[in-house]
Amino acid sequence: QVQLVESGGGLVQPGGSLRLSCAASASIGNFYAMGWYPQAPGKQRELVATITTRDSTNYSDSVKGRFTISRDNAKNTVYLQMNSLKPEDTAVYYCNARSQFFTYWGQGTQVTVSS
């Protein structure tokens, strides 16, 4: 069973930055894609950023130009650099990893953007 552990969340003022980390218990090279899914209270989990094993990235329109997803294969970790944060970015951010047969989720990390 693969475990994903997110960290780096917290309280930040509007316009601030945070970097989230997702550490996997197995080689992230096993997953053809990894991504970040925020879930705000009362809303569905939504995909905002993905990265493939070939380092191809994709972003939702809501975060394009503000968030950057990256991966460090040596550390088995995926990152989400979040800049110019807005109150509407407030959510629990979940890390996701997909292999050919399985999908894995982390426990989530809370991001709160408020003055």
N, C-alpha and C. Protein backbone atom coordinates (compact mmCIF):
# COMPACT_ATOMS: atom_id res chain seq x y z
N GLN A 1 0.84 -1.18 0.00
CA GLN A 1 0.00 0.00 0.00
C GLN A 1 0.88 1.24 0.00
N VAL A 2 0.67 2.11 -0.96
CA VAL A 2 1.44 3.34 -1.07
C VAL A 2 0.82 4.40 -0.17
N GLN A 3 1.66 5.13 0.54
CA GLN A 3 1.19 6.24 1.36
C GLN A 3 1.68 7.55 0.78
N LEU A 4 0.79 8.53 0.79
CA LEU A 4 1.12 9.89 0.38
C LEU A 4 0.92 10.80 1.58
N VAL A 5 1.92 11.61 1.91
CA VAL A 5 1.84 12.48 3.07
C VAL A 5 2.07 13.92 2.62
N GLU A 6 1.02 14.74 2.78
CA GLU A 6 1.11 16.14 2.42
C GLU A 6 1.60 16.96 3.62
N SER A 7 2.26 18.06 3.32
CA SER A 7 2.68 19.01 4.35
C SER A 7 2.84 20.38 3.71
N GLY A 8 3.00 21.40 4.56
CA GLY A 8 3.26 22.74 4.07
C GLY A 8 2.08 23.69 4.11
N GLY A 9 0.91 23.19 4.49
CA GLY A 9 -0.25 24.07 4.58
C GLY A 9 -0.14 25.01 5.77
N GLY A 10 -1.08 25.96 5.83
CA GLY A 10 -1.09 26.90 6.94
C GLY A 10 -1.95 28.10 6.63
N LEU A 11 -1.80 29.11 7.47
CA LEU A 11 -2.54 30.36 7.32
C LEU A 11 -1.64 31.40 6.66
N VAL A 12 -2.14 32.04 5.62
CA VAL A 12 -1.35 33.03 4.90
C VAL A 12 -2.27 34.18 4.50
N GLN A 13 -1.72 35.37 4.42
CA GLN A 13 -2.51 36.53 4.01
C GLN A 13 -2.70 36.54 2.48
N PRO A 14 -3.75 37.19 2.02
CA PRO A 14 -3.93 37.32 0.57
C PRO A 14 -2.69 37.93 -0.08
N GLY A 15 -2.31 37.36 -1.22
CA GLY A 15 -1.10 37.80 -1.91
C GLY A 15 0.15 37.04 -1.49
N GLY A 16 0.04 36.24 -0.44
CA GLY A 16 1.18 35.49 0.05
C GLY A 16 1.44 34.21 -0.72
N SER A 17 2.42 33.46 -0.23
CA SER A 17 2.84 32.23 -0.90
C SER A 17 2.96 31.08 0.10
N LEU A 18 2.77 29.88 -0.41
CA LEU A 18 3.01 28.64 0.34
C LEU A 18 3.55 27.61 -0.64
N ARG A 19 4.32 26.65 -0.10
CA ARG A 19 4.74 25.52 -0.90
C ARG A 19 4.29 24.24 -0.22
N LEU A 20 3.46 23.49 -0.90
CA LEU A 20 3.00 22.21 -0.40
C LEU A 20 3.92 21.10 -0.90
N SER A 21 4.06 20.07 -0.06
CA SER A 21 4.85 18.90 -0.42
C SER A 21 3.99 17.65 -0.30
N CYS A 22 4.24 16.69 -1.16
CA CYS A 22 3.57 15.39 -1.10
C CYS A 22 4.66 14.32 -1.20
N ALA A 23 4.94 13.68 -0.08
CA ALA A 23 5.98 12.66 -0.02
C ALA A 23 5.35 11.29 -0.16
N ALA A 24 5.86 10.50 -1.11
CA ALA A 24 5.33 9.15 -1.36
C ALA A 24 6.22 8.10 -0.71
N SER A 25 5.59 6.99 -0.29
CA SER A 25 6.34 5.90 0.34
C SER A 25 6.94 4.95 -0.70
N ALA A 26 6.67 5.22 -1.97
CA ALA A 26 7.22 4.42 -3.07
C ALA A 26 7.75 5.35 -4.15
N SER A 27 8.46 4.79 -5.08
CA SER A 27 9.02 5.60 -6.16
C SER A 27 7.90 6.26 -6.96
N ILE A 28 7.98 7.59 -7.11
CA ILE A 28 6.93 8.28 -7.86
C ILE A 28 7.04 8.01 -9.35
N GLY A 29 8.14 7.38 -9.75
CA GLY A 29 8.24 6.94 -11.14
C GLY A 29 7.24 5.86 -11.49
N ASN A 30 6.63 5.25 -10.45
CA ASN A 30 5.61 4.22 -10.67
C ASN A 30 4.27 4.80 -11.10
N PHE A 31 4.11 6.11 -10.93
CA PHE A 31 2.83 6.75 -11.21
C PHE A 31 2.92 7.55 -12.50
N TYR A 32 1.97 7.32 -13.40
CA TYR A 32 2.04 8.05 -14.66
C TYR A 32 1.62 9.50 -14.50
N ALA A 33 0.92 9.81 -13.41
CA ALA A 33 0.55 11.20 -13.16
C ALA A 33 0.34 11.40 -11.67
N MET A 34 0.67 12.61 -11.21
CA MET A 34 0.37 13.02 -9.84
C MET A 34 -0.24 14.39 -9.90
N GLY A 35 -1.10 14.68 -8.91
CA GLY A 35 -1.80 15.95 -8.96
C GLY A 35 -2.22 16.45 -7.61
N TRP A 36 -2.72 17.68 -7.61
CA TRP A 36 -3.23 18.33 -6.40
C TRP A 36 -4.70 18.68 -6.60
N TYR A 37 -5.48 18.35 -5.57
CA TYR A 37 -6.92 18.54 -5.61
C TYR A 37 -7.36 19.28 -4.34
N PRO A 38 -7.68 20.55 -4.42
CA PRO A 38 -8.25 21.23 -3.26
C PRO A 38 -9.74 20.94 -3.11
N GLN A 39 -10.17 20.90 -1.86
CA GLN A 39 -11.59 20.72 -1.57
C GLN A 39 -11.99 21.76 -0.55
N ALA A 40 -12.81 22.71 -0.98
CA ALA A 40 -13.31 23.74 -0.09
C ALA A 40 -14.55 23.22 0.63
N PRO A 41 -14.89 23.80 1.79
CA PRO A 41 -16.07 23.35 2.53
C PRO A 41 -17.33 23.40 1.67
N GLY A 42 -18.07 22.28 1.66
CA GLY A 42 -19.30 22.23 0.91
C GLY A 42 -19.15 22.07 -0.58
N LYS A 43 -17.91 21.89 -1.05
CA LYS A 43 -17.68 21.77 -2.49
C LYS A 43 -16.98 20.46 -2.81
N GLN A 44 -17.04 20.09 -4.08
CA GLN A 44 -16.37 18.87 -4.51
C GLN A 44 -14.87 19.10 -4.66
N ARG A 45 -14.14 18.02 -4.54
CA ARG A 45 -12.70 18.07 -4.77
C ARG A 45 -12.48 18.36 -6.26
N GLU A 46 -11.56 19.29 -6.57
CA GLU A 46 -11.31 19.64 -7.97
C GLU A 46 -9.82 19.59 -8.26
N LEU A 47 -9.51 19.22 -9.49
CA LEU A 47 -8.12 19.12 -9.92
C LEU A 47 -7.62 20.50 -10.32
N VAL A 48 -6.47 20.92 -9.77
CA VAL A 48 -5.91 22.21 -10.16
C VAL A 48 -4.56 22.10 -10.83
N ALA A 49 -3.83 21.00 -10.59
CA ALA A 49 -2.51 20.87 -11.20
C ALA A 49 -2.12 19.40 -11.30
N THR A 50 -1.53 19.03 -12.43
CA THR A 50 -1.03 17.68 -12.62
C THR A 50 0.36 17.72 -13.24
N ILE A 51 1.11 16.62 -13.00
CA ILE A 51 2.41 16.46 -13.61
C ILE A 51 2.59 14.99 -13.95
N THR A 52 3.13 14.72 -15.13
CA THR A 52 3.32 13.34 -15.56
C THR A 52 4.77 12.91 -15.36
N THR A 53 5.03 11.63 -15.65
CA THR A 53 6.40 11.13 -15.52
C THR A 53 7.34 11.80 -16.52
N ARG A 54 6.79 12.39 -17.57
CA ARG A 54 7.60 13.11 -18.55
C ARG A 54 7.66 14.60 -18.25
N ASP A 55 7.21 14.96 -17.03
CA ASP A 55 7.24 16.36 -16.57
C ASP A 55 6.31 17.27 -17.37
N SER A 56 5.32 16.68 -18.00
CA SER A 56 4.29 17.49 -18.64
C SER A 56 3.32 17.98 -17.56
N THR A 57 3.02 19.26 -17.57
CA THR A 57 2.16 19.84 -16.53
C THR A 57 0.89 20.41 -17.13
N ASN A 58 -0.14 20.49 -16.29
CA ASN A 58 -1.40 21.06 -16.72
C ASN A 58 -2.04 21.73 -15.51
N TYR A 59 -2.70 22.87 -15.74
CA TYR A 59 -3.28 23.65 -14.66
C TYR A 59 -4.72 24.05 -14.99
N SER A 60 -5.52 24.19 -13.93
CA SER A 60 -6.85 24.74 -14.14
C SER A 60 -6.72 26.24 -14.39
N ASP A 61 -7.72 26.82 -15.01
CA ASP A 61 -7.69 28.25 -15.30
C ASP A 61 -7.61 29.09 -14.03
N SER A 62 -8.17 28.57 -12.94
CA SER A 62 -8.22 29.34 -11.70
C SER A 62 -6.84 29.54 -11.06
N VAL A 63 -5.86 28.69 -11.40
CA VAL A 63 -4.55 28.80 -10.77
C VAL A 63 -3.43 29.05 -11.77
N LYS A 64 -3.75 29.01 -13.06
CA LYS A 64 -2.73 29.17 -14.08
C LYS A 64 -2.00 30.51 -13.90
N GLY A 65 -0.67 30.45 -13.91
CA GLY A 65 0.13 31.65 -13.72
C GLY A 65 0.44 31.96 -12.27
N ARG A 66 -0.24 31.28 -11.35
CA ARG A 66 0.01 31.52 -9.91
C ARG A 66 0.61 30.29 -9.22
N PHE A 67 0.21 29.10 -9.65
CA PHE A 67 0.69 27.85 -9.03
C PHE A 67 1.64 27.14 -9.99
N THR A 68 2.61 26.44 -9.39
CA THR A 68 3.55 25.64 -10.18
C THR A 68 3.71 24.27 -9.51
N ILE A 69 3.50 23.22 -10.28
CA ILE A 69 3.70 21.86 -9.78
C ILE A 69 5.04 21.36 -10.29
N SER A 70 5.76 20.62 -9.43
CA SER A 70 7.05 20.08 -9.80
C SER A 70 7.26 18.76 -9.06
N ARG A 71 8.28 18.03 -9.47
CA ARG A 71 8.55 16.74 -8.83
C ARG A 71 10.05 16.56 -8.65
N ASP A 72 10.40 15.87 -7.57
CA ASP A 72 11.79 15.50 -7.30
C ASP A 72 11.82 13.98 -7.17
N ASN A 73 12.24 13.30 -8.23
CA ASN A 73 12.21 11.85 -8.23
C ASN A 73 13.14 11.25 -7.17
N ALA A 74 14.24 11.91 -6.90
CA ALA A 74 15.19 11.39 -5.91
C ALA A 74 14.59 11.39 -4.51
N LYS A 75 13.70 12.35 -4.24
CA LYS A 75 13.06 12.45 -2.92
C LYS A 75 11.66 11.85 -2.92
N ASN A 76 11.22 11.34 -4.07
CA ASN A 76 9.85 10.80 -4.18
C ASN A 76 8.82 11.81 -3.69
N THR A 77 8.97 13.03 -4.11
CA THR A 77 8.13 14.11 -3.61
C THR A 77 7.66 14.99 -4.77
N VAL A 78 6.40 15.39 -4.67
CA VAL A 78 5.81 16.35 -5.60
C VAL A 78 5.48 17.62 -4.82
N TYR A 79 5.69 18.75 -5.45
CA TYR A 79 5.48 20.04 -4.80
C TYR A 79 4.41 20.85 -5.52
N LEU A 80 3.80 21.76 -4.77
CA LEU A 80 2.91 22.75 -5.37
C LEU A 80 3.30 24.10 -4.79
N GLN A 81 3.95 24.91 -5.62
CA GLN A 81 4.29 26.27 -5.23
C GLN A 81 3.10 27.17 -5.53
N MET A 82 2.57 27.82 -4.51
CA MET A 82 1.38 28.64 -4.66
C MET A 82 1.74 30.09 -4.36
N ASN A 83 1.61 30.94 -5.34
CA ASN A 83 1.89 32.37 -5.20
C ASN A 83 0.62 33.18 -5.41
N SER A 84 0.67 34.43 -5.00
CA SER A 84 -0.47 35.33 -5.18
C SER A 84 -1.77 34.69 -4.70
N LEU A 85 -1.72 34.14 -3.50
CA LEU A 85 -2.87 33.41 -2.98
C LEU A 85 -4.06 34.33 -2.74
N LYS A 86 -5.25 33.77 -2.97
CA LYS A 86 -6.50 34.48 -2.82
C LYS A 86 -7.36 33.78 -1.77
N PRO A 87 -8.29 34.50 -1.14
CA PRO A 87 -9.17 33.85 -0.16
C PRO A 87 -9.91 32.64 -0.75
N GLU A 88 -10.24 32.69 -2.03
CA GLU A 88 -10.94 31.56 -2.65
C GLU A 88 -10.07 30.33 -2.85
N ASP A 89 -8.77 30.45 -2.59
CA ASP A 89 -7.89 29.28 -2.62
C ASP A 89 -7.97 28.47 -1.34
N THR A 90 -8.67 28.99 -0.34
CA THR A 90 -8.81 28.29 0.93
C THR A 90 -9.48 26.94 0.73
N ALA A 91 -8.81 25.88 1.20
CA ALA A 91 -9.31 24.52 1.02
C ALA A 91 -8.36 23.55 1.70
N VAL A 92 -8.81 22.30 1.81
CA VAL A 92 -7.90 21.21 2.14
C VAL A 92 -7.34 20.70 0.82
N TYR A 93 -6.02 20.66 0.72
CA TYR A 93 -5.36 20.25 -0.51
C TYR A 93 -4.92 18.80 -0.40
N TYR A 94 -5.41 17.98 -1.33
CA TYR A 94 -5.10 16.56 -1.35
C TYR A 94 -4.15 16.24 -2.50
N CYS A 95 -3.20 15.38 -2.21
CA CYS A 95 -2.29 14.87 -3.23
C CYS A 95 -2.86 13.57 -3.78
N ASN A 96 -2.68 13.37 -5.07
CA ASN A 96 -3.21 12.19 -5.76
C ASN A 96 -2.11 11.60 -6.63
N ALA A 97 -2.07 10.27 -6.66
CA ALA A 97 -1.11 9.56 -7.51
C ALA A 97 -1.83 8.44 -8.25
N ARG A 98 -1.58 8.35 -9.55
CA ARG A 98 -2.28 7.34 -10.36
C ARG A 98 -1.28 6.43 -11.05
N SER A 99 -1.47 5.10 -10.83
CA SER A 99 -0.71 4.12 -11.58
C SER A 99 -1.66 3.44 -12.55
N GLN A 100 -1.18 2.43 -13.22
CA GLN A 100 -2.03 1.77 -14.22
C GLN A 100 -3.28 1.17 -13.59
N PHE A 101 -3.16 0.66 -12.36
CA PHE A 101 -4.27 -0.06 -11.75
C PHE A 101 -4.85 0.60 -10.52
N PHE A 102 -4.13 1.53 -9.91
CA PHE A 102 -4.55 2.08 -8.62
C PHE A 102 -4.48 3.60 -8.61
N THR A 103 -5.28 4.17 -7.73
CA THR A 103 -5.24 5.60 -7.43
C THR A 103 -5.08 5.76 -5.93
N TYR A 104 -4.17 6.64 -5.54
CA TYR A 104 -3.87 6.85 -4.12
C TYR A 104 -4.12 8.30 -3.75
N TRP A 105 -4.53 8.48 -2.50
CA TRP A 105 -4.79 9.82 -1.95
C TRP A 105 -4.04 10.01 -0.64
N GLY A 106 -3.61 11.24 -0.41
CA GLY A 106 -3.08 11.60 0.90
C GLY A 106 -4.19 12.02 1.83
N GLN A 107 -3.80 12.43 3.03
CA GLN A 107 -4.78 12.80 4.05
C GLN A 107 -5.18 14.26 3.97
N GLY A 108 -4.44 15.04 3.19
CA GLY A 108 -4.77 16.44 2.98
C GLY A 108 -4.04 17.37 3.92
N THR A 109 -3.86 18.61 3.47
CA THR A 109 -3.27 19.66 4.30
C THR A 109 -4.09 20.92 4.11
N GLN A 110 -4.38 21.60 5.22
CA GLN A 110 -5.27 22.77 5.18
C GLN A 110 -4.51 24.01 4.75
N VAL A 111 -5.07 24.71 3.79
CA VAL A 111 -4.56 26.02 3.38
C VAL A 111 -5.66 27.04 3.63
N THR A 112 -5.34 28.07 4.40
CA THR A 112 -6.30 29.13 4.71
C THR A 112 -5.69 30.46 4.30
N VAL A 113 -6.39 31.17 3.43
CA VAL A 113 -5.94 32.48 2.96
C VAL A 113 -6.89 33.53 3.54
N SER A 114 -6.38 34.31 4.47
CA SER A 114 -7.22 35.26 5.17
C SER A 114 -6.38 36.37 5.77
N SER A 115 -6.97 37.56 5.83
CA SER A 115 -6.27 38.67 6.48
C SER A 115 -6.70 38.78 7.94
